[in-house]
Every structure is written in structure tokens, then in C-alpha cells.
Amino acid sequence: YKKNQTQPDQNQPWYHVLVDQSTACTYAASQNLVADPSGTPI
């Protein structure tokens, strides 16, 4: 958490995310995410 550049509030939902066009998986706070309306696959 201390290495996380943004350090969002820990007391909110956090998500495990597969990142498009990469092999990366991230762990992101709810406040940093928005729904993607494109309807296109990753």
C-alpha cells in the first residue's frame, strides 16, 4: 500500500483487474475506476 502512488482510501471496495493488451493484473480502488461503455472485449 505504501508503494502505491495514489494511496486511495483502504476502506472502500478494491478490485482485481486483468489489464487490456498486457499480461498485467492490477489491484485498484473503486474510486479510481469507471465503467467502460465501449462494449469491446479486452
All heavy atoms as atom14 arrays in JSON, in Angstrom:
{
  "sequence": "YKKNQTQPDQNQPWYHVLVDQSTACTYAASQNLVADPSGTPI",
  "atom14_mask": [
    [1, 1, 1, 1, 1, 1, 1, 1, 1, 1, 1, 1, 0, 0],
    [1, 1, 1, 1, 1, 1, 1, 1, 1, 0, 0, 0, 0, 0],
    [1, 1, 1, 1, 1, 1, 1, 1, 1, 0, 0, 0, 0, 0],
    [1, 1, 1, 1, 1, 1, 1, 1, 0, 0, 0, 0, 0, 0],
    [1, 1, 1, 1, 1, 1, 1, 1, 1, 0, 0, 0, 0, 0],
    [1, 1, 1, 1, 1, 1, 1, 0, 0, 0, 0, 0, 0, 0],
    [1, 1, 1, 1, 1, 1, 1, 1, 1, 0, 0, 0, 0, 0],
    [1, 1, 1, 1, 1, 1, 1, 0, 0, 0, 0, 0, 0, 0],
    [1, 1, 1, 1, 1, 1, 1, 1, 0, 0, 0, 0, 0, 0],
    [1, 1, 1, 1, 1, 1, 1, 1, 1, 0, 0, 0, 0, 0],
    [1, 1, 1, 1, 1, 1, 1, 1, 0, 0, 0, 0, 0, 0],
    [1, 1, 1, 1, 1, 1, 1, 1, 1, 0, 0, 0, 0, 0],
    [1, 1, 1, 1, 1, 1, 1, 0, 0, 0, 0, 0, 0, 0],
    [1, 1, 1, 1, 1, 1, 1, 1, 1, 1, 1, 1, 1, 1],
    [1, 1, 1, 1, 1, 1, 1, 1, 1, 1, 1, 1, 0, 0],
    [1, 1, 1, 1, 1, 1, 1, 1, 1, 1, 0, 0, 0, 0],
    [1, 1, 1, 1, 1, 1, 1, 0, 0, 0, 0, 0, 0, 0],
    [1, 1, 1, 1, 1, 1, 1, 1, 0, 0, 0, 0, 0, 0],
    [1, 1, 1, 1, 1, 1, 1, 0, 0, 0, 0, 0, 0, 0],
    [1, 1, 1, 1, 1, 1, 1, 1, 0, 0, 0, 0, 0, 0],
    [1, 1, 1, 1, 1, 1, 1, 1, 1, 0, 0, 0, 0, 0],
    [1, 1, 1, 1, 1, 1, 0, 0, 0, 0, 0, 0, 0, 0],
    [1, 1, 1, 1, 1, 1, 1, 0, 0, 0, 0, 0, 0, 0],
    [1, 1, 1, 1, 1, 0, 0, 0, 0, 0, 0, 0, 0, 0],
    [1, 1, 1, 1, 1, 1, 0, 0, 0, 0, 0, 0, 0, 0],
    [1, 1, 1, 1, 1, 1, 1, 0, 0, 0, 0, 0, 0, 0],
    [1, 1, 1, 1, 1, 1, 1, 1, 1, 1, 1, 1, 0, 0],
    [1, 1, 1, 1, 1, 0, 0, 0, 0, 0, 0, 0, 0, 0],
    [1, 1, 1, 1, 1, 0, 0, 0, 0, 0, 0, 0, 0, 0],
    [1, 1, 1, 1, 1, 1, 0, 0, 0, 0, 0, 0, 0, 0],
    [1, 1, 1, 1, 1, 1, 1, 1, 1, 0, 0, 0, 0, 0],
    [1, 1, 1, 1, 1, 1, 1, 1, 0, 0, 0, 0, 0, 0],
    [1, 1, 1, 1, 1, 1, 1, 1, 0, 0, 0, 0, 0, 0],
    [1, 1, 1, 1, 1, 1, 1, 0, 0, 0, 0, 0, 0, 0],
    [1, 1, 1, 1, 1, 0, 0, 0, 0, 0, 0, 0, 0, 0],
    [1, 1, 1, 1, 1, 1, 1, 1, 0, 0, 0, 0, 0, 0],
    [1, 1, 1, 1, 1, 1, 1, 0, 0, 0, 0, 0, 0, 0],
    [1, 1, 1, 1, 1, 1, 0, 0, 0, 0, 0, 0, 0, 0],
    [1, 1, 1, 1, 0, 0, 0, 0, 0, 0, 0, 0, 0, 0],
    [1, 1, 1, 1, 1, 1, 1, 0, 0, 0, 0, 0, 0, 0],
    [1, 1, 1, 1, 1, 1, 1, 0, 0, 0, 0, 0, 0, 0],
    [1, 1, 1, 1, 1, 1, 1, 1, 0, 0, 0, 0, 0, 0]
  ],
  "atom14_positions": [
    [[0.83, -1.21, 0.0], [0.0, 0.0, 0.0], [0.87, 1.26, 0.0], [0.59, 2.21, -0.71], [-0.96, 0.01, 1.19], [-1.85, 1.2, 1.22], [-2.93, 1.3, 0.34], [-1.61, 2.26, 2.09], [-3.74, 2.42, 0.33], [-2.43, 3.37, 2.1], [-3.49, 3.45, 1.22], [-4.29, 4.57, 1.22], [0.0, 0.0, 0.0], [0.0, 0.0, 0.0]],
    [[1.93, 1.27, 0.78], [2.8, 2.46, 0.85], [3.51, 2.71, -0.48], [3.85, 3.84, -0.8], [3.79, 2.31, 1.99], [3.14, 2.32, 3.34], [3.84, 3.23, 4.28], [3.22, 3.18, 5.65], [2.34, 4.27, 5.91], [0.0, 0.0, 0.0], [0.0, 0.0, 0.0], [0.0, 0.0, 0.0], [0.0, 0.0, 0.0], [0.0, 0.0, 0.0]],
    [[3.74, 1.66, -1.28], [4.36, 1.82, -2.6], [3.37, 2.32, -3.64], [3.78, 2.8, -4.69], [4.96, 0.49, -3.07], [6.18, 0.07, -2.3], [6.69, -1.25, -2.84], [7.84, -1.77, -2.01], [8.3, -3.08, -2.48], [0.0, 0.0, 0.0], [0.0, 0.0, 0.0], [0.0, 0.0, 0.0], [0.0, 0.0, 0.0], [0.0, 0.0, 0.0]],
    [[2.08, 2.2, -3.37], [1.04, 2.63, -4.29], [1.09, 4.15, -4.42], [0.96, 4.86, -3.42], [-0.33, 2.18, -3.77], [-1.46, 2.46, -4.72], [-1.52, 3.51, -5.33], [-2.37, 1.53, -4.81], [0.0, 0.0, 0.0], [0.0, 0.0, 0.0], [0.0, 0.0, 0.0], [0.0, 0.0, 0.0], [0.0, 0.0, 0.0], [0.0, 0.0, 0.0]],
    [[1.3, 4.65, -5.62], [1.48, 6.09, -5.82], [0.28, 6.92, -5.41], [0.42, 8.03, -4.91], [1.81, 6.38, -7.28], [3.16, 5.85, -7.69], [3.45, 6.1, -9.16], [2.67, 6.69, -9.88], [4.6, 5.65, -9.61], [0.0, 0.0, 0.0], [0.0, 0.0, 0.0], [0.0, 0.0, 0.0], [0.0, 0.0, 0.0], [0.0, 0.0, 0.0]],
    [[-0.93, 6.42, -5.6], [-2.12, 7.22, -5.31], [-2.61, 7.07, -3.88], [-3.26, 7.96, -3.37], [-3.27, 6.86, -6.27], [-3.58, 5.48, -6.14], [-2.89, 7.16, -7.72], [0.0, 0.0, 0.0], [0.0, 0.0, 0.0], [0.0, 0.0, 0.0], [0.0, 0.0, 0.0], [0.0, 0.0, 0.0], [0.0, 0.0, 0.0], [0.0, 0.0, 0.0]],
    [[-2.35, 5.95, -3.24], [-2.78, 5.63, -1.87], [-4.23, 6.05, -1.6], [-4.51, 6.81, -0.68], [-1.83, 6.24, -0.85], [-0.47, 5.62, -0.9], [0.45, 6.03, 0.21], [0.19, 6.98, 0.93], [1.53, 5.32, 0.35], [0.0, 0.0, 0.0], [0.0, 0.0, 0.0], [0.0, 0.0, 0.0], [0.0, 0.0, 0.0], [0.0, 0.0, 0.0]],
    [[-5.18, 5.5, -2.37], [-6.58, 5.78, -2.1], [-7.02, 5.16, -0.77], [-6.33, 4.3, -0.23], [-7.32, 5.15, -3.27], [-6.38, 4.16, -3.82], [-4.99, 4.6, -3.48], [0.0, 0.0, 0.0], [0.0, 0.0, 0.0], [0.0, 0.0, 0.0], [0.0, 0.0, 0.0], [0.0, 0.0, 0.0], [0.0, 0.0, 0.0], [0.0, 0.0, 0.0]],
    [[-8.14, 5.6, -0.27], [-8.68, 5.1, 0.98], [-8.74, 3.57, 0.94], [-9.24, 2.99, -0.02], [-10.08, 5.69, 1.19], [-10.71, 5.28, 2.51], [-10.02, 4.69, 3.37], [-11.9, 5.56, 2.68], [0.0, 0.0, 0.0], [0.0, 0.0, 0.0], [0.0, 0.0, 0.0], [0.0, 0.0, 0.0], [0.0, 0.0, 0.0], [0.0, 0.0, 0.0]],
    [[-8.25, 2.94, 1.99], [-8.25, 1.48, 2.05], [-9.64, 0.93, 2.36], [-9.92, -0.23, 2.07], [-7.26, 1.0, 3.11], [-5.82, 1.27, 2.71], [-4.86, 0.86, 3.8], [-4.95, 1.3, 4.94], [-3.92, -0.01, 3.46], [0.0, 0.0, 0.0], [0.0, 0.0, 0.0], [0.0, 0.0, 0.0], [0.0, 0.0, 0.0], [0.0, 0.0, 0.0]],
    [[-10.51, 1.73, 2.96], [-11.83, 1.28, 3.38], [-12.9, 1.56, 2.33], [-13.85, 2.3, 2.55], [-12.21, 1.92, 4.72], [-11.32, 1.44, 5.83], [-11.1, 0.25, 5.96], [-10.78, 2.36, 6.59], [0.0, 0.0, 0.0], [0.0, 0.0, 0.0], [0.0, 0.0, 0.0], [0.0, 0.0, 0.0], [0.0, 0.0, 0.0], [0.0, 0.0, 0.0]],
    [[-12.71, 0.97, 1.17], [-13.66, 1.02, 0.07], [-13.44, -0.26, -0.73], [-12.43, -0.93, -0.55], [-13.41, 2.25, -0.82], [-12.05, 2.24, -1.51], [-11.85, 3.45, -2.38], [-12.7, 3.79, -3.18], [-10.7, 4.12, -2.21], [0.0, 0.0, 0.0], [0.0, 0.0, 0.0], [0.0, 0.0, 0.0], [0.0, 0.0, 0.0], [0.0, 0.0, 0.0]],
    [[-14.35, -0.62, -1.6], [-14.11, -1.82, -2.4], [-12.85, -1.68, -3.26], [-12.57, -0.6, -3.8], [-15.36, -1.91, -3.28], [-16.41, -1.2, -2.5], [-15.69, -0.07, -1.81], [0.0, 0.0, 0.0], [0.0, 0.0, 0.0], [0.0, 0.0, 0.0], [0.0, 0.0, 0.0], [0.0, 0.0, 0.0], [0.0, 0.0, 0.0], [0.0, 0.0, 0.0]],
    [[-12.09, -2.76, -3.37], [-10.91, -2.85, -4.21], [-11.11, -4.01, -5.17], [-11.76, -5.0, -4.82], [-9.65, -3.09, -3.37], [-9.16, -1.84, -2.7], [-9.78, -1.13, -1.72], [-7.94, -1.16, -2.97], [-9.03, -0.05, -1.35], [-7.89, -0.04, -2.1], [-6.89, -1.38, -3.85], [-6.83, 0.85, -2.11], [-5.82, -0.48, -3.85], [-5.8, 0.61, -2.98]],
    [[-10.56, -3.9, -6.37], [-10.84, -4.86, -7.43], [-9.57, -5.46, -8.03], [-8.59, -4.76, -8.24], [-11.62, -4.17, -8.55], [-12.93, -3.63, -8.07], [-13.02, -2.32, -7.59], [-14.07, -4.42, -8.05], [-14.22, -1.82, -7.13], [-15.28, -3.92, -7.59], [-15.35, -2.62, -7.12], [-16.53, -2.14, -6.65], [0.0, 0.0, 0.0], [0.0, 0.0, 0.0]],
    [[-9.65, -6.76, -8.34], [-8.6, -7.46, -9.07], [-8.97, -7.33, -10.55], [-10.07, -7.73, -10.95], [-8.56, -8.93, -8.65], [-8.3, -9.11, -7.18], [-7.03, -9.15, -6.66], [-9.15, -9.23, -6.14], [-7.11, -9.3, -5.35], [-8.39, -9.35, -5.01], [0.0, 0.0, 0.0], [0.0, 0.0, 0.0], [0.0, 0.0, 0.0], [0.0, 0.0, 0.0]],
    [[-8.06, -6.76, -11.33], [-8.36, -6.39, -12.72], [-7.31, -6.98, -13.67], [-6.11, -6.86, -13.42], [-8.35, -4.84, -12.87], [-8.61, -4.44, -14.31], [-9.35, -4.2, -11.91], [0.0, 0.0, 0.0], [0.0, 0.0, 0.0], [0.0, 0.0, 0.0], [0.0, 0.0, 0.0], [0.0, 0.0, 0.0], [0.0, 0.0, 0.0], [0.0, 0.0, 0.0]],
    [[-7.78, -7.6, -14.75], [-6.9, -8.01, -15.84], [-6.8, -6.83, -16.79], [-7.83, -6.34, -17.28], [-7.47, -9.22, -16.58], [-7.74, -10.48, -15.77], [-8.28, -11.59, -16.68], [-6.52, -10.94, -15.01], [0.0, 0.0, 0.0], [0.0, 0.0, 0.0], [0.0, 0.0, 0.0], [0.0, 0.0, 0.0], [0.0, 0.0, 0.0], [0.0, 0.0, 0.0]],
    [[-5.6, -6.37, -17.06], [-5.37, -5.17, -17.87], [-5.31, -5.52, -19.35], [-4.57, -6.42, -19.76], [-4.08, -4.45, -17.43], [-3.82, -3.22, -18.3], [-4.19, -4.04, -15.96], [0.0, 0.0, 0.0], [0.0, 0.0, 0.0], [0.0, 0.0, 0.0], [0.0, 0.0, 0.0], [0.0, 0.0, 0.0], [0.0, 0.0, 0.0], [0.0, 0.0, 0.0]],
    [[-6.08, -4.78, -20.14], [-6.17, -4.97, -21.58], [-4.81, -4.81, -22.27], [-4.02, -3.94, -21.91], [-7.15, -3.95, -22.16], [-7.47, -4.17, -23.62], [-7.35, -5.3, -24.11], [-7.86, -3.18, -24.28], [0.0, 0.0, 0.0], [0.0, 0.0, 0.0], [0.0, 0.0, 0.0], [0.0, 0.0, 0.0], [0.0, 0.0, 0.0], [0.0, 0.0, 0.0]],
    [[-4.56, -5.65, -23.27], [-3.37, -5.62, -24.11], [-2.07, -5.71, -23.32], [-1.07, -5.04, -23.62], [-3.37, -4.37, -25.0], [-4.55, -4.36, -25.93], [-4.57, -3.14, -26.84], [-3.71, -2.28, -26.77], [-5.54, -3.09, -27.72], [0.0, 0.0, 0.0], [0.0, 0.0, 0.0], [0.0, 0.0, 0.0], [0.0, 0.0, 0.0], [0.0, 0.0, 0.0]],
    [[-2.1, -6.54, -22.25], [-0.9, -6.76, -21.45], [-1.04, -8.1, -20.73], [-2.05, -8.78, -20.88], [-0.72, -5.64, -20.42], [-1.6, -5.81, -19.33], [0.0, 0.0, 0.0], [0.0, 0.0, 0.0], [0.0, 0.0, 0.0], [0.0, 0.0, 0.0], [0.0, 0.0, 0.0], [0.0, 0.0, 0.0], [0.0, 0.0, 0.0], [0.0, 0.0, 0.0]],
    [[-0.05, -8.42, -19.94], [-0.13, -9.58, -19.07], [-0.34, -9.15, -17.63], [-0.34, -9.98, -16.72], [1.15, -10.44, -19.16], [2.27, -9.63, -18.8], [1.34, -11.01, -20.56], [0.0, 0.0, 0.0], [0.0, 0.0, 0.0], [0.0, 0.0, 0.0], [0.0, 0.0, 0.0], [0.0, 0.0, 0.0], [0.0, 0.0, 0.0], [0.0, 0.0, 0.0]],
    [[-0.51, -7.85, -17.41], [-0.61, -7.29, -16.06], [-1.97, -7.54, -15.42], [-3.0, -7.57, -16.08], [-0.35, -5.78, -16.11], [0.0, 0.0, 0.0], [0.0, 0.0, 0.0], [0.0, 0.0, 0.0], [0.0, 0.0, 0.0], [0.0, 0.0, 0.0], [0.0, 0.0, 0.0], [0.0, 0.0, 0.0], [0.0, 0.0, 0.0], [0.0, 0.0, 0.0]],
    [[-1.93, -7.71, -14.11], [-3.11, -7.76, -13.27], [-2.93, -6.66, -12.23], [-1.84, -6.54, -11.66], [-3.22, -9.1, -12.56], [-3.27, -10.51, -13.67], [0.0, 0.0, 0.0], [0.0, 0.0, 0.0], [0.0, 0.0, 0.0], [0.0, 0.0, 0.0], [0.0, 0.0, 0.0], [0.0, 0.0, 0.0], [0.0, 0.0, 0.0], [0.0, 0.0, 0.0]],
    [[-3.94, -5.85, -12.01], [-3.82, -4.77, -11.04], [-4.81, -4.96, -9.91], [-5.75, -5.75, -10.0], [-4.05, -3.39, -11.68], [-5.4, -3.32, -12.15], [-3.08, -3.12, -12.79], [0.0, 0.0, 0.0], [0.0, 0.0, 0.0], [0.0, 0.0, 0.0], [0.0, 0.0, 0.0], [0.0, 0.0, 0.0], [0.0, 0.0, 0.0], [0.0, 0.0, 0.0]],
    [[-4.59, -4.19, -8.85], [-5.48, -4.17, -7.69], [-5.82, -2.7, -7.52], [-4.97, -1.89, -7.18], [-4.71, -4.72, -6.49], [-5.55, -5.01, -5.27], [-6.74, -5.75, -5.37], [-5.14, -4.6, -4.02], [-7.48, -6.05, -4.24], [-5.87, -4.9, -2.89], [-7.04, -5.63, -3.0], [-7.78, -5.93, -1.88], [0.0, 0.0, 0.0], [0.0, 0.0, 0.0]],
    [[-7.06, -2.34, -7.81], [-7.44, -0.93, -7.89], [-8.61, -0.6, -6.97], [-9.55, -1.4, -6.83], [-7.79, -0.57, -9.33], [0.0, 0.0, 0.0], [0.0, 0.0, 0.0], [0.0, 0.0, 0.0], [0.0, 0.0, 0.0], [0.0, 0.0, 0.0], [0.0, 0.0, 0.0], [0.0, 0.0, 0.0], [0.0, 0.0, 0.0], [0.0, 0.0, 0.0]],
    [[-8.57, 0.6, -6.4], [-9.65, 1.09, -5.55], [-10.83, 1.53, -6.39], [-10.68, 2.03, -7.5], [-9.15, 2.26, -4.71], [0.0, 0.0, 0.0], [0.0, 0.0, 0.0], [0.0, 0.0, 0.0], [0.0, 0.0, 0.0], [0.0, 0.0, 0.0], [0.0, 0.0, 0.0], [0.0, 0.0, 0.0], [0.0, 0.0, 0.0], [0.0, 0.0, 0.0]],
    [[-12.0, 1.37, -5.84], [-13.25, 1.72, -6.52], [-13.23, 3.15, -7.05], [-13.66, 3.41, -8.17], [-14.43, 1.53, -5.55], [-15.64, 1.76, -6.2], [0.0, 0.0, 0.0], [0.0, 0.0, 0.0], [0.0, 0.0, 0.0], [0.0, 0.0, 0.0], [0.0, 0.0, 0.0], [0.0, 0.0, 0.0], [0.0, 0.0, 0.0], [0.0, 0.0, 0.0]],
    [[-12.73, 4.09, -6.24], [-12.75, 5.5, -6.63], [-11.93, 5.78, -7.88], [-12.13, 6.81, -8.53], [-12.26, 6.39, -5.49], [-10.76, 6.31, -5.26], [-10.3, 7.1, -4.06], [-10.86, 6.98, -2.97], [-9.29, 7.92, -4.24], [0.0, 0.0, 0.0], [0.0, 0.0, 0.0], [0.0, 0.0, 0.0], [0.0, 0.0, 0.0], [0.0, 0.0, 0.0]],
    [[-11.03, 4.88, -8.25], [-10.17, 5.09, -9.41], [-10.7, 4.46, -10.69], [-10.05, 4.54, -11.73], [-8.76, 4.55, -9.13], [-8.04, 5.39, -8.1], [-8.31, 6.56, -7.94], [-7.14, 4.76, -7.37], [0.0, 0.0, 0.0], [0.0, 0.0, 0.0], [0.0, 0.0, 0.0], [0.0, 0.0, 0.0], [0.0, 0.0, 0.0], [0.0, 0.0, 0.0]],
    [[-11.87, 3.82, -10.61], [-12.39, 3.11, -11.77], [-13.72, 3.68, -12.23], [-14.5, 4.2, -11.43], [-12.59, 1.63, -11.42], [-11.37, 0.88, -10.92], [-11.74, -0.55, -10.54], [-10.26, 0.9, -11.95], [0.0, 0.0, 0.0], [0.0, 0.0, 0.0], [0.0, 0.0, 0.0], [0.0, 0.0, 0.0], [0.0, 0.0, 0.0], [0.0, 0.0, 0.0]],
    [[-13.96, 3.59, -13.54], [-15.25, 3.94, -14.13], [-15.62, 2.82, -15.11], [-14.74, 2.15, -15.66], [-15.24, 5.3, -14.87], [-15.03, 6.45, -13.9], [-14.21, 5.33, -15.96], [0.0, 0.0, 0.0], [0.0, 0.0, 0.0], [0.0, 0.0, 0.0], [0.0, 0.0, 0.0], [0.0, 0.0, 0.0], [0.0, 0.0, 0.0], [0.0, 0.0, 0.0]],
    [[-16.9, 2.66, -15.33], [-17.36, 1.66, -16.3], [-16.91, 2.08, -17.69], [-16.91, 3.26, -18.03], [-18.87, 1.54, -16.24], [0.0, 0.0, 0.0], [0.0, 0.0, 0.0], [0.0, 0.0, 0.0], [0.0, 0.0, 0.0], [0.0, 0.0, 0.0], [0.0, 0.0, 0.0], [0.0, 0.0, 0.0], [0.0, 0.0, 0.0], [0.0, 0.0, 0.0]],
    [[-16.5, 1.1, -18.49], [-16.11, 1.37, -19.87], [-17.33, 1.07, -20.76], [-17.74, -0.09, -20.86], [-14.94, 0.48, -20.27], [-14.5, 0.72, -21.69], [-15.08, 0.1, -22.61], [-13.6, 1.55, -21.9], [0.0, 0.0, 0.0], [0.0, 0.0, 0.0], [0.0, 0.0, 0.0], [0.0, 0.0, 0.0], [0.0, 0.0, 0.0], [0.0, 0.0, 0.0]],
    [[-17.89, 2.09, -21.39], [-19.11, 1.9, -22.16], [-18.89, 1.4, -23.59], [-19.85, 1.21, -24.35], [-19.72, 3.3, -22.18], [-18.53, 4.2, -22.18], [-17.5, 3.51, -21.32], [0.0, 0.0, 0.0], [0.0, 0.0, 0.0], [0.0, 0.0, 0.0], [0.0, 0.0, 0.0], [0.0, 0.0, 0.0], [0.0, 0.0, 0.0], [0.0, 0.0, 0.0]],
    [[-17.64, 1.15, -23.99], [-17.36, 0.81, -25.38], [-17.99, -0.5, -25.84], [-18.26, -0.67, -27.03], [-15.84, 0.77, -25.62], [-15.28, -0.38, -25.0], [0.0, 0.0, 0.0], [0.0, 0.0, 0.0], [0.0, 0.0, 0.0], [0.0, 0.0, 0.0], [0.0, 0.0, 0.0], [0.0, 0.0, 0.0], [0.0, 0.0, 0.0], [0.0, 0.0, 0.0]],
    [[-18.16, -1.45, -24.92], [-18.72, -2.74, -25.3], [-17.75, -3.64, -26.03], [-18.12, -4.7, -26.53], [0.0, 0.0, 0.0], [0.0, 0.0, 0.0], [0.0, 0.0, 0.0], [0.0, 0.0, 0.0], [0.0, 0.0, 0.0], [0.0, 0.0, 0.0], [0.0, 0.0, 0.0], [0.0, 0.0, 0.0], [0.0, 0.0, 0.0], [0.0, 0.0, 0.0]],
    [[-16.49, -3.22, -26.11], [-15.49, -4.02, -26.82], [-14.72, -4.91, -25.86], [-14.45, -4.53, -24.72], [-14.51, -3.13, -27.61], [-13.86, -2.24, -26.7], [-15.24, -2.32, -28.66], [0.0, 0.0, 0.0], [0.0, 0.0, 0.0], [0.0, 0.0, 0.0], [0.0, 0.0, 0.0], [0.0, 0.0, 0.0], [0.0, 0.0, 0.0], [0.0, 0.0, 0.0]],
    [[-14.33, -6.1, -26.31], [-13.6, -7.02, -25.44], [-12.18, -6.53, -25.17], [-11.69, -5.63, -25.83], [-13.58, -8.33, -26.23], [-13.87, -7.97, -27.63], [-14.61, -6.67, -27.62], [0.0, 0.0, 0.0], [0.0, 0.0, 0.0], [0.0, 0.0, 0.0], [0.0, 0.0, 0.0], [0.0, 0.0, 0.0], [0.0, 0.0, 0.0], [0.0, 0.0, 0.0]],
    [[-11.56, -7.14, -24.17], [-10.16, -6.84, -23.88], [-9.31, -8.03, -24.31], [-9.84, -9.11, -24.61], [-9.93, -6.5, -22.39], [-10.14, -7.73, -21.51], [-10.79, -5.35, -21.94], [-9.49, -7.59, -20.16], [0.0, 0.0, 0.0], [0.0, 0.0, 0.0], [0.0, 0.0, 0.0], [0.0, 0.0, 0.0], [0.0, 0.0, 0.0], [0.0, 0.0, 0.0]]
  ]
}
